[in-house]
């Protein structure tokens, strides 16, 4: 039996995650990485937090704790104008560490589909892994 060490890894888009980033760190996120800004972020967050699809499972309890922490941070905002939701990306991409240093982990695409099945977006929701940027933080090549 031969093991191919060079099989290409295929990402599962359902495992991709998005971050909520608060001002002033949100100014560091390029426009191409932004999915939602301001009030739509708060509305999507509220729908996820108040979803009837949350269960008593340990996984959902952990998710509820994370959403509660983010909710407390949103409640402290004087204005939601600097609040953004990033596009979804794979946790193994280098860009993930950049977002994780600036913002709070929100949801995976799988959890978003489960908790807010009617969520609609005008722009593509997935971050392009290969970006044409001179910004060293965004170099995923």
C-alpha atoms as a PDB file:
ATOM      1  CA  UNK A   1       0.000   0.000   0.000  1.00  0.00           C
ATOM      2  CA  UNK A   2       1.458   3.309  -1.089  1.00  0.00           C
ATOM      3  CA  UNK A   3       0.829   6.502   0.810  1.00  0.00           C
ATOM      4  CA  UNK A   4       0.826   9.615  -1.272  1.00  0.00           C
ATOM      5  CA  UNK A   5       2.355  12.295   0.920  1.00  0.00           C
ATOM      6  CA  UNK A   6       1.603  14.973  -1.608  1.00  0.00           C
ATOM      7  CA  UNK A   7      -2.168  14.667  -1.821  1.00  0.00           C
ATOM      8  CA  UNK A   8      -3.613  18.105  -2.046  1.00  0.00           C
ATOM      9  CA  UNK A   9      -5.716  19.125   0.919  1.00  0.00           C
ATOM     10  CA  UNK A  10      -9.244  20.133   0.007  1.00  0.00           C
ATOM     11  CA  UNK A  11     -10.883  22.634   2.307  1.00  0.00           C
ATOM     12  CA  UNK A  12     -14.426  22.033   3.497  1.00  0.00           C
ATOM     13  CA  UNK A  13     -16.226  25.392   3.172  1.00  0.00           C
ATOM     14  CA  UNK A  14     -18.557  24.395   6.025  1.00  0.00           C
ATOM     15  CA  UNK A  15     -15.545  24.520   8.358  1.00  0.00           C
ATOM     16  CA  UNK A  16     -14.605  28.060   7.300  1.00  0.00           C
ATOM     17  CA  UNK A  17     -14.986  30.691  10.021  1.00  0.00           C
ATOM     18  CA  UNK A  18     -15.642  34.423  10.231  1.00  0.00           C
ATOM     19  CA  UNK A  19     -14.550  37.016  12.777  1.00  0.00           C
ATOM     20  CA  UNK A  20     -16.214  40.036  14.289  1.00  0.00           C
ATOM     21  CA  UNK A  21     -13.720  42.888  14.497  1.00  0.00           C
ATOM     22  CA  UNK A  22     -14.263  45.988  16.587  1.00  0.00           C
ATOM     23  CA  UNK A  23     -13.052  49.505  15.964  1.00  0.00           C
ATOM     24  CA  UNK A  24     -10.180  50.591  15.861  1.00  0.00           C
ATOM     25  CA  UNK A  25      -8.809  47.185  14.765  1.00  0.00           C
ATOM     26  CA  UNK A  26     -11.421  47.043  12.001  1.00  0.00           C
ATOM     27  CA  UNK A  27      -9.507  49.769  10.174  1.00  0.00           C
ATOM     28  CA  UNK A  28      -6.738  47.217   9.526  1.00  0.00           C
ATOM     29  CA  UNK A  29      -9.051  44.837   7.644  1.00  0.00           C
ATOM     30  CA  UNK A  30      -8.905  45.429   3.866  1.00  0.00           C
ATOM     31  CA  UNK A  31     -12.223  46.146   2.160  1.00  0.00           C
ATOM     32  CA  UNK A  32     -11.866  42.941   0.135  1.00  0.00           C
ATOM     33  CA  UNK A  33     -11.976  40.916   3.389  1.00  0.00           C
ATOM     34  CA  UNK A  34     -15.142  42.534   4.768  1.00  0.00           C
ATOM     35  CA  UNK A  35     -18.480  40.740   4.520  1.00  0.00           C
ATOM     36  CA  UNK A  36     -20.717  43.049   6.591  1.00  0.00           C
ATOM     37  CA  UNK A  37     -20.319  46.446   8.237  1.00  0.00           C
ATOM     38  CA  UNK A  38     -22.181  48.147  11.077  1.00  0.00           C
ATOM     39  CA  UNK A  39     -25.868  47.411  11.752  1.00  0.00           C
ATOM     40  CA  UNK A  40     -26.100  44.283   9.520  1.00  0.00           C
ATOM     41  CA  UNK A  41     -23.377  42.691  11.700  1.00  0.00           C
ATOM     42  CA  UNK A  42     -25.411  43.352  14.845  1.00  0.00           C
ATOM     43  CA  UNK A  43     -28.578  42.032  13.194  1.00  0.00           C
ATOM     44  CA  UNK A  44     -26.882  38.808  12.043  1.00  0.00           C
ATOM     45  CA  UNK A  45     -25.286  38.392  15.464  1.00  0.00           C
ATOM     46  CA  UNK A  46     -28.678  38.821  17.186  1.00  0.00           C
ATOM     47  CA  UNK A  47     -30.294  36.245  14.901  1.00  0.00           C
ATOM     48  CA  UNK A  48     -27.524  33.743  15.682  1.00  0.00           C
ATOM     49  CA  UNK A  49     -27.602  34.416  19.428  1.00  0.00           C
ATOM     50  CA  UNK A  50     -31.387  34.112  19.621  1.00  0.00           C
ATOM     51  CA  UNK A  51     -31.662  31.148  17.261  1.00  0.00           C
ATOM     52  CA  UNK A  52     -34.189  28.476  18.145  1.00  0.00           C
ATOM     53  CA  UNK A  53     -31.791  25.896  16.709  1.00  0.00           C
ATOM     54  CA  UNK A  54     -29.360  26.148  19.647  1.00  0.00           C
ATOM     55  CA  UNK A  55     -29.433  22.983  21.753  1.00  0.00           C
ATOM     56  CA  UNK A  56     -28.223  21.914  25.196  1.00  0.00           C
ATOM     57  CA  UNK A  57     -25.246  20.066  23.720  1.00  0.00           C
ATOM     58  CA  UNK A  58     -21.755  20.808  25.013  1.00  0.00           C
ATOM     59  CA  UNK A  59     -20.762  22.180  21.613  1.00  0.00           C
ATOM     60  CA  UNK A  60     -23.672  24.625  21.603  1.00  0.00           C
ATOM     61  CA  UNK A  61     -23.010  25.629  25.224  1.00  0.00           C
ATOM     62  CA  UNK A  62     -19.471  26.586  24.189  1.00  0.00           C
ATOM     63  CA  UNK A  63     -20.900  28.494  21.238  1.00  0.00           C
ATOM     64  CA  UNK A  64     -23.424  30.262  23.490  1.00  0.00           C
ATOM     65  CA  UNK A  65     -20.589  31.312  25.824  1.00  0.00           C
ATOM     66  CA  UNK A  66     -18.662  32.777  22.883  1.00  0.00           C
ATOM     67  CA  UNK A  67     -21.742  34.596  21.590  1.00  0.00           C
ATOM     68  CA  UNK A  68     -22.488  35.937  25.071  1.00  0.00           C
ATOM     69  CA  UNK A  69     -18.957  37.345  25.338  1.00  0.00           C
ATOM     70  CA  UNK A  70     -19.278  39.000  21.913  1.00  0.00           C
ATOM     71  CA  UNK A  71     -22.715  40.323  22.893  1.00  0.00           C
ATOM     72  CA  UNK A  72     -21.250  42.002  25.979  1.00  0.00           C
ATOM     73  CA  UNK A  73     -18.608  43.642  23.804  1.00  0.00           C
ATOM     74  CA  UNK A  74     -21.235  44.851  21.313  1.00  0.00           C
ATOM     75  CA  UNK A  75     -23.318  46.260  24.188  1.00  0.00           C
ATOM     76  CA  UNK A  76     -20.339  48.382  25.251  1.00  0.00           C
ATOM     77  CA  UNK A  77     -20.098  50.072  21.843  1.00  0.00           C
ATOM     78  CA  UNK A  78     -21.211  53.686  21.588  1.00  0.00           C
ATOM     79  CA  UNK A  79     -21.734  53.193  17.850  1.00  0.00           C
ATOM     80  CA  UNK A  80     -21.648  50.130  15.623  1.00  0.00           C
ATOM     81  CA  UNK A  81     -20.104  52.050  12.702  1.00  0.00           C
ATOM     82  CA  UNK A  82     -16.675  50.475  13.236  1.00  0.00           C
ATOM     83  CA  UNK A  83     -17.985  46.933  13.631  1.00  0.00           C
ATOM     84  CA  UNK A  84     -17.260  44.488  10.810  1.00  0.00           C
ATOM     85  CA  UNK A  85     -17.753  40.826  10.002  1.00  0.00           C
ATOM     86  CA  UNK A  86     -14.985  39.276   7.943  1.00  0.00           C
ATOM     87  CA  UNK A  87     -15.541  36.915   5.067  1.00  0.00           C
ATOM     88  CA  UNK A  88     -15.262  33.217   5.860  1.00  0.00           C
ATOM     89  CA  UNK A  89     -11.838  31.592   5.623  1.00  0.00           C
ATOM     90  CA  UNK A  90     -10.157  28.331   6.467  1.00  0.00           C
ATOM     91  CA  UNK A  91      -8.530  28.091   9.914  1.00  0.00           C
ATOM     92  CA  UNK A  92      -5.355  26.705   8.309  1.00  0.00           C
ATOM     93  CA  UNK A  93      -4.711  29.789   6.170  1.00  0.00           C
ATOM     94  CA  UNK A  94      -2.164  32.311   7.391  1.00  0.00           C
ATOM     95  CA  UNK A  95      -4.754  35.077   7.147  1.00  0.00           C
ATOM     96  CA  UNK A  96      -6.623  33.337  10.002  1.00  0.00           C
ATOM     97  CA  UNK A  97      -3.940  34.356  12.515  1.00  0.00           C
ATOM     98  CA  UNK A  98      -4.152  37.965  11.321  1.00  0.00           C
ATOM     99  CA  UNK A  99      -7.930  38.034  11.897  1.00  0.00           C
ATOM    100  CA  UNK A 100      -7.666  36.162  15.207  1.00  0.00           C
ATOM    101  CA  UNK A 101      -5.277  38.814  16.549  1.00  0.00           C
ATOM    102  CA  UNK A 102      -7.689  41.600  15.623  1.00  0.00           C
ATOM    103  CA  UNK A 103     -11.128  40.192  16.302  1.00  0.00           C
ATOM    104  CA  UNK A 104     -13.354  37.645  17.964  1.00  0.00           C
ATOM    105  CA  UNK A 105     -14.154  34.288  16.387  1.00  0.00           C
ATOM    106  CA  UNK A 106     -17.823  34.402  15.360  1.00  0.00           C
ATOM    107  CA  UNK A 107     -19.213  31.271  13.697  1.00  0.00           C
ATOM    108  CA  UNK A 108     -18.276  28.567  11.268  1.00  0.00           C
ATOM    109  CA  UNK A 109     -20.171  28.457   7.993  1.00  0.00           C
ATOM    110  CA  UNK A 110     -21.792  25.212   9.195  1.00  0.00           C
ATOM    111  CA  UNK A 111     -23.041  26.883  12.393  1.00  0.00           C
ATOM    112  CA  UNK A 112     -24.275  29.927  10.494  1.00  0.00           C
ATOM    113  CA  UNK A 113     -26.265  27.693   8.131  1.00  0.00           C
ATOM    114  CA  UNK A 114     -27.741  25.847  11.119  1.00  0.00           C
ATOM    115  CA  UNK A 115     -28.511  28.851  13.335  1.00  0.00           C
ATOM    116  CA  UNK A 116     -29.519  31.398  10.690  1.00  0.00           C
ATOM    117  CA  UNK A 117     -30.591  29.330   7.686  1.00  0.00           C
ATOM    118  CA  UNK A 118     -32.208  32.323   5.966  1.00  0.00           C
ATOM    119  CA  UNK A 119     -29.078  34.526   6.058  1.00  0.00           C
ATOM    120  CA  UNK A 120     -28.570  36.287   2.719  1.00  0.00           C
ATOM    121  CA  UNK A 121     -25.469  38.173   1.589  1.00  0.00           C
ATOM    122  CA  UNK A 122     -24.976  40.479  -1.382  1.00  0.00           C
ATOM    123  CA  UNK A 123     -21.264  39.756  -1.770  1.00  0.00           C
ATOM    124  CA  UNK A 124     -19.342  36.476  -1.958  1.00  0.00           C
ATOM    125  CA  UNK A 125     -18.974  35.202   1.595  1.00  0.00           C
ATOM    126  CA  UNK A 126     -15.675  33.355   1.203  1.00  0.00           C
ATOM    127  CA  UNK A 127     -12.311  35.072   1.323  1.00  0.00           C
ATOM    128  CA  UNK A 128     -10.103  34.418  -1.672  1.00  0.00           C
ATOM    129  CA  UNK A 129      -7.086  32.497  -0.406  1.00  0.00           C
ATOM    130  CA  UNK A 130      -4.772  34.034  -2.957  1.00  0.00           C
ATOM    131  CA  UNK A 131      -4.881  37.778  -2.681  1.00  0.00           C
ATOM    132  CA  UNK A 132      -3.248  40.345  -4.946  1.00  0.00           C
ATOM    133  CA  UNK A 133      -2.026  42.492  -2.088  1.00  0.00           C
ATOM    134  CA  UNK A 134       1.332  43.916  -1.117  1.00  0.00           C
ATOM    135  CA  UNK A 135       0.231  43.789   2.525  1.00  0.00           C
ATOM    136  CA  UNK A 136       2.398  41.159   4.241  1.00  0.00           C
ATOM    137  CA  UNK A 137      -0.455  40.356   6.629  1.00  0.00           C
ATOM    138  CA  UNK A 138      -2.607  39.267   3.713  1.00  0.00           C
ATOM    139  CA  UNK A 139      -0.041  37.262   1.777  1.00  0.00           C
ATOM    140  CA  UNK A 140      -1.469  33.738   1.660  1.00  0.00           C
ATOM    141  CA  UNK A 141       0.541  32.521  -1.324  1.00  0.00           C
END
